């Protein structure tokens, strides 16, 4: 497990060494003595100007990298991260960036960074983690990550009472099935949002708790139920631990796909297992990837084309990524507002393997909450996983 600690001036030599080792392959012709002195001067200057901005990354108490972060009123900026080559490829950098994403989301601000064009490996990582380019200069692309779904504006307009996924036709079968699976125990909703499912499920007499990354979404939930009725822990659903044990953990409306790497999705299963009593269930509602609708040689499909709204999905089939582009037009159709939501799609068989890694067995899979048979043509599924009676420490 990696840890971070504030850097001191005694760490300058190490910080310079790791920066050089991490970047040497991209600058093989550099004059190393002058390069090193430049790193020394820059590192000392940065630590003097912002003592809290530089951290040493450690693994099992051993220094392995450096992290530089600037925190501004309107953003979090990742100024630099370097890991020693001996520990690269272990997911440490990804985990640190996810922590910064969680911090930025909690503050309701973007996470910004610059990536040099001669560093394609880093660019691929940032693309997978949902960063989008917003500017450039003569040597770097400027990237920004922001979960548009976590903003105050979207949180206050998220609910559509009685319509769509908030209709009784949808919520009735959903809460009935979840209440049946919870039995006499407690239920935990991952990514509880504004309480679309949790509030009516609690009204059925099921004690419900939640995990949610977005404070604005929880603020909307609090207009419907107080913390005593539905307690919520702010944090990442793949990592945050809630006190107590549950007979049911559930994750609805495709939300597991908001985790943009396979590692994070597996971690979500393991986190669900940590909360369950042996024999408890983990329920996932998820769409089936629509690659059969993707025209050969083209990267996008049109999901909806209404007069006021167009949904366009672009695919990166190499990394199993799909980005939904939501175009919402003004009343006179002269202007459109664009929002994007990145996802990592999961095949049902891959989902089952994730479950096995966390100690689950597939108990049932249906096409909807009413129990319709799942077929090759089903656009989505409700999968119920049962935690093995004898579980391993996940």
Foldseek 3Di string as FASTA:
>chain_A
DKDKDFDDLVCLVVALVQVCQQCCVVPVPDPVVVSSVVSSVVVVVLCVVPVRQKIFMDDPNHTFWIWGWDDDLAEIEGEDIGGRPVPPPPCPVVVVVVVRQLVCQASQHKYKYKDFPSCVVVVVSVVLLAWDFDDADPTITITIDDAPCQHLVNLVVVDDDCDDCNNCVNQVLVLVLQCVQQDPKAEEEEQCFLPSNPLVNVVVVHQYEYEHSHPSRVVNNCVRPNCVRYNYDHDHLLDDADPAAGLEYEYEDAVLQLRRAPVSSLSNLLNNLVRYAAFGKYKYKHFADPCVQAPPPDFWDWDDDDPFWTWIWGDDVVRQKIKIWIWGADPVRPGTDIDIGMGRHDHPVRNQVSNVVNQKHWDDKDLGSVRHHDDPPRGIIMTMITHHNDGDND
